[in-house]
Protein backbone atom coordinates (compact mmCIF):
# COMPACT_ATOMS: atom_id res chain seq x y z
CA UNK A 1 9.12 6.89 -21.86
CA UNK A 2 9.89 4.26 -20.02
CA UNK A 3 9.59 2.39 -16.83
CA UNK A 4 7.73 -0.75 -17.49
CA UNK A 5 8.23 -4.36 -16.65
CA UNK A 6 10.01 -7.34 -16.82
CA UNK A 7 8.91 -10.55 -15.68
CA UNK A 8 10.92 -12.54 -13.10
CA UNK A 9 13.17 -15.58 -14.62
CA UNK A 10 12.31 -17.99 -12.10
CA UNK A 11 15.96 -18.64 -11.04
CA UNK A 12 17.10 -18.89 -7.29
CA UNK A 13 19.40 -15.75 -5.67
CA UNK A 14 22.32 -16.95 -3.34
CA UNK A 15 21.75 -15.32 0.28
CA UNK A 16 18.16 -14.86 -0.69
CA UNK A 17 15.19 -16.34 1.98
CA UNK A 18 13.33 -19.21 0.84
CA UNK A 19 10.70 -18.98 3.50
CA UNK A 20 7.02 -18.36 2.90
CA UNK A 21 6.79 -15.73 4.99
CA UNK A 22 8.79 -12.89 3.74
CA UNK A 23 9.85 -9.75 7.25
CA UNK A 24 8.40 -6.76 6.38
CA UNK A 25 11.14 -4.21 4.73
CA UNK A 26 12.01 -0.85 5.22
CA UNK A 27 13.26 1.76 2.00
CA UNK A 28 16.40 3.95 1.63
CA UNK A 29 18.52 5.67 -0.39
CA UNK A 30 20.07 3.37 -3.14
CA UNK A 31 24.25 3.86 -2.28
CA UNK A 32 27.15 2.51 -4.53
CA UNK A 33 27.53 -0.50 -1.52
CA UNK A 34 24.49 -1.32 -3.46
CA UNK A 35 25.92 -2.00 -6.90
CA UNK A 36 26.57 -5.67 -6.95
CA UNK A 37 23.63 -6.55 -5.15
CA UNK A 38 21.53 -4.78 -7.28
CA UNK A 39 23.39 -6.14 -10.21
CA UNK A 40 23.07 -9.92 -9.53
CA UNK A 41 19.11 -9.15 -9.04
CA UNK A 42 19.03 -7.21 -12.59
CA UNK A 43 20.45 -10.57 -14.00
CA UNK A 44 17.96 -12.90 -12.54
CA UNK A 45 15.01 -10.59 -13.58
CA UNK A 46 15.74 -8.98 -16.55
CA UNK A 47 18.29 -11.70 -18.50
CA UNK A 48 19.96 -10.39 -21.63
CA UNK A 49 18.48 -6.60 -20.73
CA UNK A 50 19.92 -6.80 -17.28
CA UNK A 51 22.04 -3.44 -16.76
CA UNK A 52 25.42 -3.83 -16.36
CA UNK A 53 27.71 -1.81 -14.11
CA UNK A 54 28.11 1.02 -16.15
CA UNK A 55 25.49 1.22 -17.75
CA UNK A 56 24.26 1.71 -13.51
CA UNK A 57 26.82 4.29 -12.64
CA UNK A 58 25.77 5.96 -15.59
CA UNK A 59 21.99 6.05 -14.91
CA UNK A 60 22.84 6.91 -11.46
CA UNK A 61 25.08 9.39 -12.29
CA UNK A 62 22.60 11.19 -14.66
CA UNK A 63 20.53 14.01 -13.69
CA UNK A 64 17.16 14.39 -12.06
CA UNK A 65 17.59 10.89 -11.12
CA UNK A 66 16.27 9.81 -7.59
CA UNK A 67 16.90 6.14 -6.27
CA UNK A 68 15.58 3.76 -3.74
CA UNK A 69 16.82 0.39 -2.58
CA UNK A 70 13.97 -2.00 0.04
CA UNK A 71 15.71 -4.70 2.82
CA UNK A 72 14.44 -6.51 5.32
CA UNK A 73 13.70 -4.88 8.60
CA UNK A 74 12.44 -5.73 12.32
CA UNK A 75 12.88 -9.66 13.93
CA UNK A 76 11.32 -11.11 11.35
CA UNK A 77 14.81 -10.37 8.95
CA UNK A 78 17.06 -11.03 11.94
CA UNK A 79 15.51 -14.44 13.26
CA UNK A 80 15.97 -15.05 8.94
CA UNK A 81 19.36 -13.15 8.11
CA UNK A 82 21.34 -12.84 11.74
CA UNK A 83 22.61 -9.35 12.95
CA UNK A 84 24.12 -7.07 10.61
CA UNK A 85 23.46 -5.77 7.15
CA UNK A 86 20.45 -7.31 5.47
CA UNK A 87 20.62 -8.61 1.87
CA UNK A 88 18.46 -5.48 -1.35
CA UNK A 89 15.47 -7.28 -2.05
CA UNK A 90 13.89 -4.02 -4.27
CA UNK A 91 15.09 -1.37 -5.78
CA UNK A 92 13.32 2.21 -7.90
CA UNK A 93 14.38 4.78 -9.00
CA UNK A 94 12.60 7.95 -11.21
CA UNK A 95 13.60 10.52 -14.13
CA UNK A 96 12.16 14.25 -12.71
CA UNK A 97 12.97 16.53 -16.16
CA UNK A 98 11.35 19.22 -14.09
CA UNK A 99 7.54 18.81 -15.22
CA UNK A 100 6.96 15.69 -15.71
CA UNK A 101 8.46 12.06 -13.82
CA UNK A 102 8.95 8.38 -15.41
CA UNK A 103 9.53 5.15 -13.10
CA UNK A 104 12.65 4.01 -14.72
CA UNK A 105 12.77 0.57 -13.57
CA UNK A 106 11.23 -1.34 -10.32
CA UNK A 107 13.06 -4.27 -9.17
CA UNK A 108 11.71 -7.10 -6.21
CA UNK A 109 13.67 -10.18 -5.44
CA UNK A 110 11.13 -12.96 -6.93
CA UNK A 111 11.23 -14.38 -3.47
CA UNK A 112 9.94 -11.52 -1.85
CA UNK A 113 7.28 -10.44 -4.66
CA UNK A 114 3.59 -10.28 -3.69
CA UNK A 115 4.58 -8.87 -0.37
CA UNK A 116 3.75 -5.69 -1.00
CA UNK A 117 7.78 -4.75 -1.70
CA UNK A 118 6.98 -3.29 -5.16
CA UNK A 119 3.95 -1.66 -3.92
CA UNK A 120 5.72 0.43 -1.01
CA UNK A 121 8.59 1.44 -4.10
CA UNK A 122 5.76 2.76 -6.19
CA UNK A 123 4.21 4.42 -3.52
CA UNK A 124 7.56 5.81 -2.92
CA UNK A 125 8.08 6.95 -6.38
CA UNK A 126 4.83 8.65 -6.45
CA UNK A 127 5.37 10.68 -3.29
CA UNK A 128 8.75 11.91 -4.80
CA UNK A 129 7.04 12.90 -7.59
CA UNK A 130 4.94 14.96 -5.90
CA UNK A 131 7.26 16.48 -3.47
CA UNK A 132 9.43 17.41 -6.63
CA UNK A 133 5.63 18.99 -8.14
CA UNK A 134 6.01 17.09 -11.04
CA UNK A 135 2.49 17.57 -13.41
CA UNK A 136 2.04 13.56 -14.10
CA UNK A 137 3.76 10.23 -13.58
CA UNK A 138 4.91 8.16 -16.90
CA UNK A 139 5.93 4.70 -17.77
CA UNK A 140 5.81 1.37 -20.31
CA UNK A 141 4.72 -1.42 -19.22
CA UNK A 142 4.03 -4.76 -21.19
CA UNK A 143 0.64 -5.79 -22.05
CA UNK A 144 0.88 -9.16 -20.99
CA UNK A 145 2.57 -7.85 -17.60
CA UNK A 146 -1.38 -8.34 -15.71
CA UNK A 147 -0.28 -8.15 -12.70
CA UNK A 148 1.72 -4.88 -13.27
CA UNK A 149 -1.15 -3.80 -14.45
CA UNK A 150 -3.30 -4.01 -12.19
CA UNK A 151 -1.13 -2.57 -9.79
CA UNK A 152 -0.60 0.68 -11.63
CA UNK A 153 -4.07 0.79 -12.65
CA UNK A 154 -5.12 0.86 -8.83
CA UNK A 155 -2.50 3.43 -8.66
CA UNK A 156 -4.63 5.64 -10.22
CA UNK A 157 -2.21 5.35 -13.99
CA UNK A 158 -4.64 5.22 -17.38
CA UNK A 159 -3.34 3.52 -20.49
CA UNK A 160 -3.13 6.64 -23.30
CA UNK A 161 -1.36 4.77 -26.02
CA UNK A 162 0.96 1.55 -27.37
CA UNK A 163 4.06 1.40 -28.33
CA UNK A 164 4.41 -1.46 -30.66
CA UNK A 165 7.14 -4.43 -30.50
CA UNK A 166 8.72 -2.44 -27.43
CA UNK A 167 10.55 -4.94 -25.78
CA UNK A 168 13.17 -6.82 -27.03
CA UNK A 169 14.06 -9.60 -28.28
CA UNK A 170 10.71 -10.51 -27.61
CA UNK A 171 8.61 -8.24 -30.10
CA UNK A 172 6.79 -7.58 -26.85
CA UNK A 173 4.34 -4.33 -26.99
CA UNK A 174 3.97 -1.68 -24.10
CA UNK A 175 1.15 0.36 -22.96
CA UNK A 176 2.19 4.00 -22.07
CA UNK A 177 0.30 4.80 -18.68
CA UNK A 178 0.44 8.21 -17.12
CA UNK A 179 -1.15 9.35 -13.78
CA UNK A 180 -2.34 12.97 -13.28
CA UNK A 181 -0.76 14.49 -9.90
CA UNK A 182 -2.97 17.28 -10.48
CA UNK A 183 -5.66 15.26 -10.41
CA UNK A 184 -4.86 11.82 -8.34
CA UNK A 185 -5.20 12.33 -4.37
CA UNK A 186 -2.20 11.48 -2.15
CA UNK A 187 -2.44 7.97 -0.73
CA UNK A 188 -4.96 7.48 -4.27
CA UNK A 189 -1.69 4.64 -5.07
CA UNK A 190 -3.54 2.35 -2.75
CA UNK A 191 0.05 1.61 -0.74
CA UNK A 192 0.01 1.45 3.10
CA UNK A 193 1.16 3.70 5.27
CA UNK A 194 3.18 0.88 6.70
CA UNK A 195 6.40 -1.52 5.88
CA UNK A 196 6.03 -3.44 3.12
CA UNK A 197 3.91 -6.88 3.32
CA UNK A 198 1.64 -5.60 5.82
CA UNK A 199 -1.30 -5.74 3.34
CA UNK A 200 -2.60 -9.30 2.22
CA UNK A 201 -1.95 -10.64 -0.87
CA UNK A 202 -5.40 -10.08 -2.14
CA UNK A 203 -4.27 -5.80 -1.82
CA UNK A 204 -1.90 -5.90 -3.62
CA UNK A 205 -0.81 -5.62 -7.21
CA UNK A 206 1.74 -6.65 -8.79
CA UNK A 207 4.37 -7.65 -6.79
CA UNK A 208 2.72 -7.36 -4.45
CA UNK A 209 2.65 -5.81 -5.48
CA UNK A 210 5.56 -6.16 -8.58
CA UNK A 211 5.05 -5.11 -12.10
CA UNK A 212 7.52 -5.84 -14.43
CA UNK A 213 8.87 -2.84 -15.88
CA UNK A 214 11.02 -1.46 -17.89
CA UNK A 215 13.37 1.96 -18.99
CA UNK A 216 15.83 3.46 -20.05
CA UNK A 217 19.54 3.28 -19.24
CA UNK A 218 22.28 5.42 -19.87
CA UNK A 219 20.24 7.95 -21.41
CA UNK A 220 18.58 5.63 -23.32
CA UNK A 221 14.97 6.27 -22.94
CA UNK A 222 14.02 3.71 -25.63
CA UNK A 223 15.76 0.78 -23.60
CA UNK A 224 13.38 -1.56 -21.42
CA UNK A 225 14.21 -2.16 -17.36
CA UNK A 226 12.01 -2.50 -15.64
CA UNK A 227 10.30 -3.37 -12.56
CA UNK A 228 10.09 -7.18 -12.04
CA UNK A 229 7.59 -8.29 -10.00
């Protein structure tokens, strides 16, 4: 069961805002035109474990997948990036098997972490899971990713197991976490209804949370993908 976490390498990204303040973001469906940017973020966030073009294409084509991206929006985004298309600064996806939803990945540009982007992406995945009438949401997260654990626990996830040496090649264990949607009330994930970045750094978990996680790729549920925060 996947979706867990990965931490960023700290490398700089081209065309990425270098400012301390990040503009608000809006979410939209991930499309094929986003592939190059997603793969760029994958390499920065996940290094040797990054998805390739083929892996990403296979993942998006698989049954039951749902993916969104976050991009800067509003006057501040125009001031920083100018008019026209804005770069994708986060992405996330889930897999629904007809009963349980599984978070496959959450990734956030290092320069946008701790600005609420990861929190908004998680909120979108949970709302989608409720719309699909999933009974629960599962994920895996590194045991040493305190930020991600804080984000998920704030959203109501509980630790239900430990997977030894789940993250390779680092040999890092992963917690399996579960959110029971039948028991969880809407909005319990702690996300705001406004655009990402509305809340202060103290109210966001990991990626502002941005967790770093892991998930399956190309039908391999044991391949950590993640969410970088």
